[in-house]
Amino acid sequence: MFRITVEIDGKEQEFTQTKKKGKVIKKIAELQDKTNLLEKGEITYGELIDEQYMVIVEMFDNQFTLEQLMDGSDFDEIEDLFEEFNNSGKSKTTQNKRQKKG
């Protein structure tokens, strides 16, 4: 389960997402490709940040707006959420591979 806290109208609200949706996985993969463009100087860091925030809004099914997320969230929490999303399921995949071999 993924969680994020967003301050909206002066009140902190917690949002959860229980599913790791395919469309979000695809968007995160595209973000990783855009990181390469950033390194080549083809996009700016600000553009990459905008994309990250848009993916988070989509991840949580538009329960908050892009503006609400940008104004009411902590960037470290956004980074942690991406890391958690990328790491989720890795242990299951490793375990499944081991079971197939054994």
PDB file of N, CA and C in Angstrom:
ATOM      1  N   MET A   1       0.846  -1.173   0.000  1.00  0.00           N
ATOM      2  CA  MET A   1       0.000   0.000   0.000  1.00  0.00           C
ATOM      3  C   MET A   1       0.891   1.236   0.000  1.00  0.00           C
ATOM      4  N   PHE A   2       0.515   2.211  -0.797  1.00  0.00           N
ATOM      5  CA  PHE A   2       1.265   3.451  -0.901  1.00  0.00           C
ATOM      6  C   PHE A   2       0.468   4.556  -0.222  1.00  0.00           C
ATOM      7  N   ARG A   3       1.184   5.424   0.488  1.00  0.00           N
ATOM      8  CA  ARG A   3       0.544   6.519   1.225  1.00  0.00           C
ATOM      9  C   ARG A   3       1.268   7.824   0.931  1.00  0.00           C
ATOM     10  N   ILE A   4       0.487   8.895   0.927  1.00  0.00           N
ATOM     11  CA  ILE A   4       1.070  10.224   0.812  1.00  0.00           C
ATOM     12  C   ILE A   4       0.208  11.189   1.621  1.00  0.00           C
ATOM     13  N   THR A   5       0.863  12.153   2.225  1.00  0.00           N
ATOM     14  CA  THR A   5       0.171  13.196   2.974  1.00  0.00           C
ATOM     15  C   THR A   5       0.273  14.493   2.182  1.00  0.00           C
ATOM     16  N   VAL A   6      -0.866  15.122   1.959  1.00  0.00           N
ATOM     17  CA  VAL A   6      -0.927  16.373   1.211  1.00  0.00           C
ATOM     18  C   VAL A   6      -1.715  17.379   2.046  1.00  0.00           C
ATOM     19  N   GLU A   7      -1.138  18.560   2.214  1.00  0.00           N
ATOM     20  CA  GLU A   7      -1.850  19.624   2.923  1.00  0.00           C
ATOM     21  C   GLU A   7      -2.748  20.350   1.923  1.00  0.00           C
ATOM     22  N   ILE A   8      -4.043  20.324   2.209  1.00  0.00           N
ATOM     23  CA  ILE A   8      -5.026  20.976   1.345  1.00  0.00           C
ATOM     24  C   ILE A   8      -5.870  21.899   2.213  1.00  0.00           C
ATOM     25  N   ASP A   9      -5.905  23.168   1.849  1.00  0.00           N
ATOM     26  CA  ASP A   9      -6.653  24.178   2.605  1.00  0.00           C
ATOM     27  C   ASP A   9      -6.249  24.192   4.076  1.00  0.00           C
ATOM     28  N   GLY A  10      -4.951  24.052   4.330  1.00  0.00           N
ATOM     29  CA  GLY A  10      -4.430  24.125   5.690  1.00  0.00           C
ATOM     30  C   GLY A  10      -4.586  22.864   6.518  1.00  0.00           C
ATOM     31  N   LYS A  11      -5.138  21.810   5.934  1.00  0.00           N
ATOM     32  CA  LYS A  11      -5.338  20.558   6.670  1.00  0.00           C
ATOM     33  C   LYS A  11      -4.583  19.432   5.978  1.00  0.00           C
ATOM     34  N   GLU A  12      -3.833  18.668   6.770  1.00  0.00           N
ATOM     35  CA  GLU A  12      -3.121  17.527   6.208  1.00  0.00           C
ATOM     36  C   GLU A  12      -4.094  16.377   5.973  1.00  0.00           C
ATOM     37  N   GLN A  13      -4.027  15.834   4.779  1.00  0.00           N
ATOM     38  CA  GLN A  13      -4.882  14.701   4.428  1.00  0.00           C
ATOM     39  C   GLN A  13      -3.998  13.564   3.933  1.00  0.00           C
ATOM     40  N   GLU A  14      -4.315  12.358   4.374  1.00  0.00           N
ATOM     41  CA  GLU A  14      -3.555  11.193   3.933  1.00  0.00           C
ATOM     42  C   GLU A  14      -4.344  10.451   2.862  1.00  0.00           C
ATOM     43  N   PHE A  15      -3.648  10.095   1.808  1.00  0.00           N
ATOM     44  CA  PHE A  15      -4.242   9.355   0.704  1.00  0.00           C
ATOM     45  C   PHE A  15      -3.522   8.027   0.574  1.00  0.00           C
ATOM     46  N   THR A  16      -4.264   6.991   0.186  1.00  0.00           N
ATOM     47  CA  THR A  16      -3.664   5.666   0.024  1.00  0.00           C
ATOM     48  C   THR A  16      -4.009   5.104  -1.350  1.00  0.00           C
ATOM     49  N   GLN A  17      -3.136   4.239  -1.809  1.00  0.00           N
ATOM     50  CA  GLN A  17      -3.354   3.505  -3.055  1.00  0.00           C
ATOM     51  C   GLN A  17      -2.895   2.076  -2.810  1.00  0.00           C
ATOM     52  N   THR A  18      -3.774   1.137  -3.023  1.00  0.00           N
ATOM     53  CA  THR A  18      -3.453  -0.261  -2.733  1.00  0.00           C
ATOM     54  C   THR A  18      -2.950  -1.016  -3.953  1.00  0.00           C
ATOM     55  N   LYS A  19      -3.123  -0.443  -5.132  1.00  0.00           N
ATOM     56  CA  LYS A  19      -2.746  -1.150  -6.355  1.00  0.00           C
ATOM     57  C   LYS A  19      -1.520  -0.526  -7.010  1.00  0.00           C
ATOM     58  N   LYS A  20      -0.733  -1.381  -7.613  1.00  0.00           N
ATOM     59  CA  LYS A  20       0.401  -0.939  -8.423  1.00  0.00           C
ATOM     60  C   LYS A  20      -0.041  -1.090  -9.876  1.00  0.00           C
ATOM     61  N   LYS A  21      -0.579  -0.016 -10.422  1.00  0.00           N
ATOM     62  CA  LYS A  21      -1.227  -0.066 -11.729  1.00  0.00           C
ATOM     63  C   LYS A  21      -0.218  -0.039 -12.875  1.00  0.00           C
ATOM     64  N   GLY A  22      -0.557  -0.768 -13.924  1.00  0.00           N
ATOM     65  CA  GLY A  22       0.307  -0.856 -15.093  1.00  0.00           C
ATOM     66  C   GLY A  22       0.586   0.487 -15.738  1.00  0.00           C
ATOM     67  N   LYS A  23      -0.430   1.359 -15.803  1.00  0.00           N
ATOM     68  CA  LYS A  23      -0.217   2.661 -16.442  1.00  0.00           C
ATOM     69  C   LYS A  23       0.786   3.497 -15.657  1.00  0.00           C
ATOM     70  N   VAL A  24       0.804   3.337 -14.349  1.00  0.00           N
ATOM     71  CA  VAL A  24       1.758   4.079 -13.529  1.00  0.00           C
ATOM     72  C   VAL A  24       3.157   3.486 -13.694  1.00  0.00           C
ATOM     73  N   ILE A  25       3.245   2.165 -13.763  1.00  0.00           N
ATOM     74  CA  ILE A  25       4.543   1.518 -13.994  1.00  0.00           C
ATOM     75  C   ILE A  25       5.138   2.035 -15.303  1.00  0.00           C
ATOM     76  N   LYS A  26       4.308   2.125 -16.334  1.00  0.00           N
ATOM     77  CA  LYS A  26       4.773   2.618 -17.634  1.00  0.00           C
ATOM     78  C   LYS A  26       5.251   4.062 -17.533  1.00  0.00           C
ATOM     79  N   LYS A  27       4.497   4.889 -16.845  1.00  0.00           N
ATOM     80  CA  LYS A  27       4.878   6.300 -16.712  1.00  0.00           C
ATOM     81  C   LYS A  27       6.182   6.455 -15.936  1.00  0.00           C
ATOM     82  N   ILE A  28       6.384   5.621 -14.931  1.00  0.00           N
ATOM     83  CA  ILE A  28       7.628   5.685 -14.166  1.00  0.00           C
ATOM     84  C   ILE A  28       8.798   5.230 -15.039  1.00  0.00           C
ATOM     85  N   ALA A  29       8.582   4.217 -15.872  1.00  0.00           N
ATOM     86  CA  ALA A  29       9.628   3.787 -16.809  1.00  0.00           C
ATOM     87  C   ALA A  29       9.975   4.927 -17.773  1.00  0.00           C
ATOM     88  N   GLU A  30       8.956   5.642 -18.234  1.00  0.00           N
ATOM     89  CA  GLU A  30       9.187   6.788 -19.114  1.00  0.00           C
ATOM     90  C   GLU A  30       9.956   7.889 -18.390  1.00  0.00           C
ATOM     91  N   LEU A  31       9.665   8.070 -17.099  1.00  0.00           N
ATOM     92  CA  LEU A  31      10.407   9.051 -16.306  1.00  0.00           C
ATOM     93  C   LEU A  31      11.881   8.681 -16.223  1.00  0.00           C
ATOM     94  N   GLN A  32      12.159   7.400 -16.064  1.00  0.00           N
ATOM     95  CA  GLN A  32      13.547   6.955 -16.003  1.00  0.00           C
ATOM     96  C   GLN A  32      14.255   7.252 -17.320  1.00  0.00           C
ATOM     97  N   ASP A  33      13.545   7.084 -18.438  1.00  0.00           N
ATOM     98  CA  ASP A  33      14.116   7.450 -19.738  1.00  0.00           C
ATOM     99  C   ASP A  33      14.389   8.951 -19.798  1.00  0.00           C
ATOM    100  N   LYS A  34      13.488   9.745 -19.232  1.00  0.00           N
ATOM    101  CA  LYS A  34      13.659  11.197 -19.253  1.00  0.00           C
ATOM    102  C   LYS A  34      14.833  11.642 -18.389  1.00  0.00           C
ATOM    103  N   THR A  35      15.188  10.831 -17.404  1.00  0.00           N
ATOM    104  CA  THR A  35      16.371  11.136 -16.602  1.00  0.00           C
ATOM    105  C   THR A  35      17.601  11.148 -17.506  1.00  0.00           C
ATOM    106  N   ASN A  36      17.636  10.248 -18.468  1.00  0.00           N
ATOM    107  CA  ASN A  36      18.734  10.236 -19.437  1.00  0.00           C
ATOM    108  C   ASN A  36      18.743  11.511 -20.270  1.00  0.00           C
ATOM    109  N   LEU A  37      17.560  12.002 -20.636  1.00  0.00           N
ATOM    110  CA  LEU A  37      17.474  13.255 -21.384  1.00  0.00           C
ATOM    111  C   LEU A  37      17.972  14.426 -20.547  1.00  0.00           C
ATOM    112  N   LEU A  38      17.700  14.373 -19.251  1.00  0.00           N
ATOM    113  CA  LEU A  38      18.181  15.412 -18.341  1.00  0.00           C
ATOM    114  C   LEU A  38      19.706  15.426 -18.332  1.00  0.00           C
ATOM    115  N   GLU A  39      20.298  14.240 -18.253  1.00  0.00           N
ATOM    116  CA  GLU A  39      21.759  14.139 -18.236  1.00  0.00           C
ATOM    117  C   GLU A  39      22.373  14.669 -19.530  1.00  0.00           C
ATOM    118  N   LYS A  40      21.642  14.552 -20.636  1.00  0.00           N
ATOM    119  CA  LYS A  40      22.124  15.050 -21.927  1.00  0.00           C
ATOM    120  C   LYS A  40      21.805  16.534 -22.118  1.00  0.00           C
ATOM    121  N   GLY A  41      21.063  17.119 -21.176  1.00  0.00           N
ATOM    122  CA  GLY A  41      20.700  18.524 -21.270  1.00  0.00           C
ATOM    123  C   GLY A  41      19.523  18.797 -22.190  1.00  0.00           C
ATOM    124  N   GLU A  42      18.767  17.753 -22.538  1.00  0.00           N
ATOM    125  CA  GLU A  42      17.649  17.920 -23.461  1.00  0.00           C
ATOM    126  C   GLU A  42      16.357  18.347 -22.766  1.00  0.00           C
ATOM    127  N   ILE A  43      16.265  18.146 -21.456  1.00  0.00           N
ATOM    128  CA  ILE A  43      15.152  18.671 -20.663  1.00  0.00           C
ATOM    129  C   ILE A  43      15.737  19.267 -19.387  1.00  0.00           C
ATOM    130  N   THR A  44      14.944  20.070 -18.716  1.00  0.00           N
ATOM    131  CA  THR A  44      15.419  20.686 -17.474  1.00  0.00           C
ATOM    132  C   THR A  44      14.990  19.853 -16.269  1.00  0.00           C
ATOM    133  N   TYR A  45      15.649  20.098 -15.150  1.00  0.00           N
ATOM    134  CA  TYR A  45      15.289  19.410 -13.909  1.00  0.00           C
ATOM    135  C   TYR A  45      13.855  19.769 -13.512  1.00  0.00           C
ATOM    136  N   GLY A  46      13.468  21.007 -13.749  1.00  0.00           N
ATOM    137  CA  GLY A  46      12.105  21.440 -13.443  1.00  0.00           C
ATOM    138  C   GLY A  46      11.059  20.658 -14.225  1.00  0.00           C
ATOM    139  N   GLU A  47      11.353  20.378 -15.495  1.00  0.00           N
ATOM    140  CA  GLU A  47      10.427  19.588 -16.308  1.00  0.00           C
ATOM    141  C   GLU A  47      10.296  18.173 -15.761  1.00  0.00           C
ATOM    142  N   LEU A  48      11.416  17.616 -15.315  1.00  0.00           N
ATOM    143  CA  LEU A  48      11.396  16.271 -14.749  1.00  0.00           C
ATOM    144  C   LEU A  48      10.582  16.234 -13.453  1.00  0.00           C
ATOM    145  N   ILE A  49      10.743  17.256 -12.627  1.00  0.00           N
ATOM    146  CA  ILE A  49       9.981  17.351 -11.374  1.00  0.00           C
ATOM    147  C   ILE A  49       8.483  17.435 -11.677  1.00  0.00           C
ATOM    148  N   ASP A  50       8.115  18.269 -12.651  1.00  0.00           N
ATOM    149  CA  ASP A  50       6.700  18.369 -13.040  1.00  0.00           C
ATOM    150  C   ASP A  50       6.143  17.004 -13.421  1.00  0.00           C
ATOM    151  N   GLU A  51       6.908  16.257 -14.204  1.00  0.00           N
ATOM    152  CA  GLU A  51       6.479  14.918 -14.634  1.00  0.00           C
ATOM    153  C   GLU A  51       6.303  13.992 -13.430  1.00  0.00           C
ATOM    154  N   GLN A  52       7.239  14.058 -12.478  1.00  0.00           N
ATOM    155  CA  GLN A  52       7.135  13.215 -11.280  1.00  0.00           C
ATOM    156  C   GLN A  52       5.840  13.499 -10.536  1.00  0.00           C
ATOM    157  N   TYR A  53       5.556  14.763 -10.340  1.00  0.00           N
ATOM    158  CA  TYR A  53       4.348  15.133  -9.607  1.00  0.00           C
ATOM    159  C   TYR A  53       3.084  14.694 -10.353  1.00  0.00           C
ATOM    160  N   MET A  54       3.092  14.798 -11.682  1.00  0.00           N
ATOM    161  CA  MET A  54       1.924  14.369 -12.459  1.00  0.00           C
ATOM    162  C   MET A  54       1.697  12.863 -12.320  1.00  0.00           C
ATOM    163  N   VAL A  55       2.781  12.103 -12.259  1.00  0.00           N
ATOM    164  CA  VAL A  55       2.653  10.652 -12.082  1.00  0.00           C
ATOM    165  C   VAL A  55       2.051  10.337 -10.715  1.00  0.00           C
ATOM    166  N   ILE A  56       2.454  11.077  -9.691  1.00  0.00           N
ATOM    167  CA  ILE A  56       1.909  10.848  -8.347  1.00  0.00           C
ATOM    168  C   ILE A  56       0.406  11.129  -8.333  1.00  0.00           C
ATOM    169  N   VAL A  57      -0.014  12.216  -8.973  1.00  0.00           N
ATOM    170  CA  VAL A  57      -1.448  12.529  -9.043  1.00  0.00           C
ATOM    171  C   VAL A  57      -2.193  11.373  -9.702  1.00  0.00           C
ATOM    172  N   GLU A  58      -1.632  10.858 -10.784  1.00  0.00           N
ATOM    173  CA  GLU A  58      -2.272   9.733 -11.476  1.00  0.00           C
ATOM    174  C   GLU A  58      -2.234   8.466 -10.629  1.00  0.00           C
ATOM    175  N   MET A  59      -1.124   8.244  -9.927  1.00  0.00           N
ATOM    176  CA  MET A  59      -0.991   7.059  -9.070  1.00  0.00           C
ATOM    177  C   MET A  59      -2.120   7.002  -8.049  1.00  0.00           C
ATOM    178  N   PHE A  60      -2.508   8.166  -7.543  1.00  0.00           N
ATOM    179  CA  PHE A  60      -3.550   8.240  -6.523  1.00  0.00           C
ATOM    180  C   PHE A  60      -4.919   8.602  -7.123  1.00  0.00           C
ATOM    181  N   ASP A  61      -5.106   8.281  -8.392  1.00  0.00           N
ATOM    182  CA  ASP A  61      -6.405   8.416  -9.064  1.00  0.00           C
ATOM    183  C   ASP A  61      -7.005   9.815  -8.979  1.00  0.00           C
ATOM    184  N   ASN A  62      -6.161  10.833  -9.104  1.00  0.00           N
ATOM    185  CA  ASN A  62      -6.625  12.225  -9.137  1.00  0.00           C
ATOM    186  C   ASN A  62      -7.450  12.612  -7.914  1.00  0.00           C
ATOM    187  N   GLN A  63      -7.094  12.058  -6.753  1.00  0.00           N
ATOM    188  CA  GLN A  63      -7.796  12.425  -5.516  1.00  0.00           C
ATOM    189  C   GLN A  63      -7.417  13.832  -5.066  1.00  0.00           C
ATOM    190  N   PHE A  64      -6.362  14.383  -5.663  1.00  0.00           N
ATOM    191  CA  PHE A  64      -5.910  15.750  -5.419  1.00  0.00           C
ATOM    192  C   PHE A  64      -5.363  16.259  -6.748  1.00  0.00           C
ATOM    193  N   THR A  65      -5.243  17.569  -6.853  1.00  0.00           N
ATOM    194  CA  THR A  65      -4.757  18.158  -8.102  1.00  0.00           C
ATOM    195  C   THR A  65      -3.236  18.267  -8.084  1.00  0.00           C
ATOM    196  N   LEU A  66      -2.689  18.527  -9.258  1.00  0.00           N
ATOM    197  CA  LEU A  66      -1.249  18.742  -9.371  1.00  0.00           C
ATOM    198  C   LEU A  66      -0.831  19.927  -8.502  1.00  0.00           C
ATOM    199  N   GLU A  67      -1.598  20.994  -8.556  1.00  0.00           N
ATOM    200  CA  GLU A  67      -1.283  22.186  -7.763  1.00  0.00           C
ATOM    201  C   GLU A  67      -1.337  21.883  -6.260  1.00  0.00           C
ATOM    202  N   GLN A  68      -2.354  21.145  -5.821  1.00  0.00           N
ATOM    203  CA  GLN A  68      -2.453  20.783  -4.402  1.00  0.00           C
ATOM    204  C   GLN A  68      -1.247  19.945  -3.976  1.00  0.00           C
ATOM    205  N   LEU A  69      -0.838  19.026  -4.827  1.00  0.00           N
ATOM    206  CA  LEU A  69       0.315  18.192  -4.502  1.00  0.00           C
ATOM    207  C   LEU A  69       1.588  19.017  -4.441  1.00  0.00           C
ATOM    208  N   MET A  70       1.787  19.892  -5.406  1.00  0.00           N
ATOM    209  CA  MET A  70       3.013  20.692  -5.440  1.00  0.00           C
ATOM    210  C   MET A  70       3.081  21.667  -4.266  1.00  0.00           C
ATOM    211  N   ASP A  71       1.944  22.220  -3.891  1.00  0.00           N
ATOM    212  CA  ASP A  71       1.914  23.190  -2.795  1.00  0.00           C
ATOM    213  C   ASP A  71       1.866  22.541  -1.419  1.00  0.00           C
ATOM    214  N   GLY A  72       1.329  21.321  -1.338  1.00  0.00           N
ATOM    215  CA  GLY A  72       1.046  20.752  -0.025  1.00  0.00           C
ATOM    216  C   GLY A  72       1.775  19.478   0.334  1.00  0.00           C
ATOM    217  N   SER A  73       2.856  19.169  -0.400  1.00  0.00           N
ATOM    218  CA  SER A  73       3.584  17.939  -0.074  1.00  0.00           C
ATOM    219  C   SER A  73       5.058  18.235   0.146  1.00  0.00           C
ATOM    220  N   ASP A  74       5.705  17.291   0.763  1.00  0.00           N
ATOM    221  CA  ASP A  74       7.135  17.380   1.027  1.00  0.00           C
ATOM    222  C   ASP A  74       7.869  16.630  -0.083  1.00  0.00           C
ATOM    223  N   PHE A  75       8.841  17.275  -0.713  1.00  0.00           N
ATOM    224  CA  PHE A  75       9.544  16.652  -1.837  1.00  0.00           C
ATOM    225  C   PHE A  75      10.217  15.349  -1.432  1.00  0.00           C
ATOM    226  N   ASP A  76      10.744  15.284  -0.217  1.00  0.00           N
ATOM    227  CA  ASP A  76      11.376  14.041   0.244  1.00  0.00           C
ATOM    228  C   ASP A  76      10.369  12.895   0.260  1.00  0.00           C
ATOM    229  N   GLU A  77       9.131  13.199   0.625  1.00  0.00           N
ATOM    230  CA  GLU A  77       8.093  12.164   0.633  1.00  0.00           C
ATOM    231  C   GLU A  77       7.804  11.685  -0.795  1.00  0.00           C
ATOM    232  N   ILE A  78       7.845  12.606  -1.750  1.00  0.00           N
ATOM    233  CA  ILE A  78       7.644  12.242  -3.158  1.00  0.00           C
ATOM    234  C   ILE A  78       8.756  11.296  -3.603  1.00  0.00           C
ATOM    235  N   GLU A  79       9.991  11.653  -3.298  1.00  0.00           N
ATOM    236  CA  GLU A  79      11.131  10.809  -3.667  1.00  0.00           C
ATOM    237  C   GLU A  79      11.029   9.438  -2.999  1.00  0.00           C
ATOM    238  N   ASP A  80      10.665   9.420  -1.719  1.00  0.00           N
ATOM    239  CA  ASP A  80      10.511   8.147  -0.995  1.00  0.00           C
ATOM    240  C   ASP A  80       9.416   7.288  -1.622  1.00  0.00           C
ATOM    241  N   LEU A  81       8.346   7.928  -2.056  1.00  0.00           N
ATOM    242  CA  LEU A  81       7.237   7.203  -2.665  1.00  0.00           C
ATOM    243  C   LEU A  81       7.676   6.527  -3.965  1.00  0.00           C
ATOM    244  N   PHE A  82       8.450   7.240  -4.783  1.00  0.00           N
ATOM    245  CA  PHE A  82       8.969   6.638  -6.012  1.00  0.00           C
ATOM    246  C   PHE A  82       9.879   5.456  -5.701  1.00  0.00           C
ATOM    247  N   GLU A  83      10.730   5.622  -4.701  1.00  0.00           N
ATOM    248  CA  GLU A  83      11.631   4.533  -4.318  1.00  0.00           C
ATOM    249  C   GLU A  83      10.834   3.324  -3.823  1.00  0.00           C
ATOM    250  N   GLU A  84       9.842   3.579  -2.992  1.00  0.00           N
ATOM    251  CA  GLU A  84       8.997   2.495  -2.475  1.00  0.00           C
ATOM    252  C   GLU A  84       8.264   1.792  -3.621  1.00  0.00           C
ATOM    253  N   PHE A  85       7.743   2.573  -4.556  1.00  0.00           N
ATOM    254  CA  PHE A  85       7.025   2.004  -5.696  1.00  0.00           C
ATOM    255  C   PHE A  85       7.959   1.124  -6.528  1.00  0.00           C
ATOM    256  N   ASN A  86       9.167   1.627  -6.782  1.00  0.00           N
ATOM    257  CA  ASN A  86      10.129   0.867  -7.580  1.00  0.00           C
ATOM    258  C   ASN A  86      10.594  -0.398  -6.879  1.00  0.00           C
ATOM    259  N   ASN A  87      10.682  -0.362  -5.559  1.00  0.00           N
ATOM    260  CA  ASN A  87      11.168  -1.521  -4.808  1.00  0.00           C
ATOM    261  C   ASN A  87      10.075  -2.527  -4.477  1.00  0.00           C
ATOM    262  N   SER A  88       8.817  -2.122  -4.554  1.00  0.00           N
ATOM    263  CA  SER A  88       7.740  -3.045  -4.196  1.00  0.00           C
ATOM    264  C   SER A  88       7.674  -4.172  -5.215  1.00  0.00           C
ATOM    265  N   GLY A  89       7.503  -5.359  -4.685  1.00  0.00           N
ATOM    266  CA  GLY A  89       7.386  -6.514  -5.554  1.00  0.00           C
ATOM    267  C   GLY A  89       8.699  -7.165  -5.927  1.00  0.00           C
ATOM    268  N   LYS A  90       9.827  -6.497  -5.672  1.00  0.00           N
ATOM    269  CA  LYS A  90      11.117  -7.089  -6.038  1.00  0.00           C
ATOM    270  C   LYS A  90      11.392  -8.361  -5.258  1.00  0.00           C
ATOM    271  N   SER A  91      11.079  -8.363  -3.964  1.00  0.00           N
ATOM    272  CA  SER A  91      11.328  -9.567  -3.167  1.00  0.00           C
ATOM    273  C   SER A  91      10.411 -10.697  -3.619  1.00  0.00           C
ATOM    274  N   LYS A  92       9.179 -10.368  -4.039  1.00  0.00           N
ATOM    275  CA  LYS A  92       8.262 -11.391  -4.540  1.00  0.00           C
ATOM    276  C   LYS A  92       8.812 -12.000  -5.827  1.00  0.00           C
ATOM    277  N   THR A  93       9.349 -11.154  -6.708  1.00  0.00           N
ATOM    278  CA  THR A  93       9.896 -11.642  -7.971  1.00  0.00           C
ATOM    279  C   THR A  93      11.073 -12.563  -7.715  1.00  0.00           C
ATOM    280  N   THR A  94      11.960 -12.174  -6.821  1.00  0.00           N
ATOM    281  CA  THR A  94      13.108 -13.001  -6.480  1.00  0.00           C
ATOM    282  C   THR A  94      12.651 -14.315  -5.880  1.00  0.00           C
ATOM    283  N   GLN A  95      11.674 -14.256  -4.993  1.00  0.00           N
ATOM    284  CA  GLN A  95      11.157 -15.462  -4.352  1.00  0.00           C
ATOM    285  C   GLN A  95      10.507 -16.379  -5.392  1.00  0.00           C
ATOM    286  N   ASN A  96       9.746 -15.827  -6.318  1.00  0.00           N
ATOM    287  CA  ASN A  96       9.110 -16.634  -7.362  1.00  0.00           C
ATOM    288  C   ASN A  96      10.144 -17.308  -8.251  1.00  0.00           C
ATOM    289  N   LYS A  97      11.225 -16.616  -8.580  1.00  0.00           N
ATOM    290  CA  LYS A  97      12.283 -17.204  -9.398  1.00  0.00           C
ATOM    291  C   LYS A  97      12.937 -18.366  -8.669  1.00  0.00           C
ATOM    292  N   ARG A  98      13.154 -18.191  -7.373  1.00  0.00           N
ATOM    293  CA  ARG A  98      13.760 -19.260  -6.580  1.00  0.00           C
ATOM    294  C   ARG A  98      12.854 -20.482  -6.540  1.00  0.00           C
ATOM    295  N   GLN A  99      11.541 -20.251  -6.394  1.00  0.00           N
ATOM    296  CA  GLN A  99      10.594 -21.364  -6.333  1.00  0.00           C
ATOM    297  C   GLN A  99      10.561 -22.122  -7.656  1.00  0.00           C
ATOM    298  N   LYS A 100      10.673 -21.424  -8.771  1.00  0.00           N
ATOM    299  CA  LYS A 100      10.650 -22.075 -10.075  1.00  0.00           C
ATOM    300  C   LYS A 100      11.896 -22.932 -10.288  1.00  0.00           C
ATOM    301  N   LYS A 101      13.039 -22.472  -9.769  1.00  0.00           N
ATOM    302  CA  LYS A 101      14.289 -23.220  -9.906  1.00  0.00           C
ATOM    303  C   LYS A 101      14.275 -24.468  -9.042  1.00  0.00           C
ATOM    304  N   GLY A 102      13.722 -24.326  -7.831  1.00  0.00           N
ATOM    305  CA  GLY A 102      13.755 -25.391  -6.831  1.00  0.00           C
ATOM    306  C   GLY A 102      12.729 -26.398  -7.083  1.00  0.00           C
TER     307      GLY A 102
END
